[in-house]
C-alpha atoms as a PDB file:
ATOM      1  CA  MET A   1       7.570 -11.088 -12.444  1.00  0.00           C
ATOM      2  CA  GLN A   2       9.190 -10.388  -9.079  1.00  0.00           C
ATOM      3  CA  LYS A   3       6.920  -8.813  -6.423  1.00  0.00           C
ATOM      4  CA  ILE A   4       7.689  -5.272  -5.335  1.00  0.00           C
ATOM      5  CA  SER A   5       7.180  -3.756  -1.927  1.00  0.00           C
ATOM      6  CA  MET A   6       4.259  -1.548  -0.962  1.00  0.00           C
ATOM      7  CA  LYS A   7       6.579   1.401  -0.756  1.00  0.00           C
ATOM      8  CA  ALA A   8       8.192   0.727  -4.142  1.00  0.00           C
ATOM      9  CA  ALA A   9       4.691   0.612  -5.674  1.00  0.00           C
ATOM     10  CA  ARG A  10       3.693   3.844  -4.035  1.00  0.00           C
ATOM     11  CA  VAL A  11       6.870   5.552  -5.187  1.00  0.00           C
ATOM     12  CA  ALA A  12       6.520   4.145  -8.665  1.00  0.00           C
ATOM     13  CA  ALA A  13       3.121   5.742  -8.755  1.00  0.00           C
ATOM     14  CA  GLY A  14       4.716   9.093  -7.874  1.00  0.00           C
ATOM     15  CA  LEU A  15       2.897   9.364  -4.535  1.00  0.00           C
ATOM     16  CA  THR A  16       4.011  10.407  -1.055  1.00  0.00           C
ATOM     17  CA  GLN A  17       2.738   8.583   1.955  1.00  0.00           C
ATOM     18  CA  GLN A  18       0.459  11.547   2.597  1.00  0.00           C
ATOM     19  CA  GLU A  19      -0.946  11.610  -0.972  1.00  0.00           C
ATOM     20  CA  MET A  20      -1.638   7.807  -0.747  1.00  0.00           C
ATOM     21  CA  ALA A  21      -3.187   8.230   2.606  1.00  0.00           C
ATOM     22  CA  ASP A  22      -5.469  11.005   1.295  1.00  0.00           C
ATOM     23  CA  LYS A  23      -6.603   8.817  -1.627  1.00  0.00           C
ATOM     24  CA  LEU A  24      -7.324   5.925   0.764  1.00  0.00           C
ATOM     25  CA  GLY A  25      -8.957   7.930   3.498  1.00  0.00           C
ATOM     26  CA  VAL A  26      -6.467   6.922   6.108  1.00  0.00           C
ATOM     27  CA  THR A  27      -3.679   8.736   7.970  1.00  0.00           C
ATOM     28  CA  ARG A  28      -0.056   9.025   6.751  1.00  0.00           C
ATOM     29  CA  SER A  29       1.071   7.068   9.730  1.00  0.00           C
ATOM     30  CA  THR A  30      -1.258   4.189   8.796  1.00  0.00           C
ATOM     31  CA  VAL A  31       0.413   4.047   5.384  1.00  0.00           C
ATOM     32  CA  ASN A  32       3.734   4.073   7.039  1.00  0.00           C
ATOM     33  CA  LEU A  33       2.850   1.276   9.418  1.00  0.00           C
ATOM     34  CA  TRP A  34       1.504  -0.868   6.535  1.00  0.00           C
ATOM     35  CA  GLU A  35       4.674  -0.288   4.471  1.00  0.00           C
ATOM     36  CA  ASN A  36       6.799  -1.309   7.479  1.00  0.00           C
ATOM     37  CA  GLY A  37       4.766  -4.406   8.446  1.00  0.00           C
ATOM     38  CA  LYS A  38       3.630  -3.017  11.738  1.00  0.00           C
ATOM     39  CA  LEU A  39      -0.100  -2.837  11.133  1.00  0.00           C
ATOM     40  CA  ASN A  40      -2.429  -5.412   9.567  1.00  0.00           C
ATOM     41  CA  MET A  41      -4.325  -4.270   6.525  1.00  0.00           C
ATOM     42  CA  LYS A  42      -7.967  -4.800   5.569  1.00  0.00           C
ATOM     43  CA  LYS A  43      -8.437  -6.573   2.239  1.00  0.00           C
ATOM     44  CA  ALA A  44     -10.514  -3.698   0.932  1.00  0.00           C
ATOM     45  CA  ASN A  45      -7.677  -1.238   1.712  1.00  0.00           C
ATOM     46  CA  PHE A  46      -5.147  -3.417  -0.060  1.00  0.00           C
ATOM     47  CA  ILE A  47      -7.391  -3.583  -3.179  1.00  0.00           C
ATOM     48  CA  ALA A  48      -7.756   0.212  -3.097  1.00  0.00           C
ATOM     49  CA  PHE A  49      -3.940   0.583  -2.511  1.00  0.00           C
ATOM     50  CA  CYS A  50      -3.214  -1.491  -5.581  1.00  0.00           C
ATOM     51  CA  ALA A  51      -5.704   0.422  -7.701  1.00  0.00           C
ATOM     52  CA  VAL A  52      -4.321   3.767  -6.695  1.00  0.00           C
ATOM     53  CA  ALA A  53      -0.671   2.609  -7.220  1.00  0.00           C
ATOM     54  CA  GLY A  54      -1.627   1.040 -10.595  1.00  0.00           C
ATOM     55  CA  PHE A  55      -0.455  -2.450  -9.732  1.00  0.00           C
ATOM     56  CA  GLU A  56      -2.273  -5.863  -9.621  1.00  0.00           C
ATOM     57  CA  GLU A  57      -2.632  -7.448  -6.181  1.00  0.00           C
ATOM     58  CA  ASP A  58      -0.218 -10.305  -7.163  1.00  0.00           C
ATOM     59  CA  ASP A  59       2.483  -7.754  -8.026  1.00  0.00           C
ATOM     60  CA  ILE A  60       2.892  -6.321  -4.501  1.00  0.00           C
ATOM     61  CA  PHE A  61       4.645  -8.088  -1.622  1.00  0.00           C
ATOM     62  CA  LEU A  62       2.837  -7.720   1.683  1.00  0.00           C
ATOM     63  CA  PRO A  63       4.870  -7.168   4.833  1.00  0.00           C
ATOM     64  CA  VAL A  64       1.563  -7.239   6.734  1.00  0.00           C
ATOM     65  CA  ASN A  65      -1.350  -9.601   7.269  1.00  0.00           C
ATOM     66  CA  ILE A  66      -4.581  -9.055   5.379  1.00  0.00           C
ATOM     67  CA  THR A  67      -7.716  -9.223   7.525  1.00  0.00           C
END
């Protein structure tokens, strides 16, 4: 299976950046920065992002570093 972007995973889940942010307890701008590769992401946030979006960790291409 080809990996999809974080944005594509979020959109496939039917969520806006604000809705994803609310579910993860972060700001909309944080989600935007993650999706655009401008902010590193904590592993726990990535795991939560995947769970909310309904994808496995291996399915999503990360434009950011995981810390």
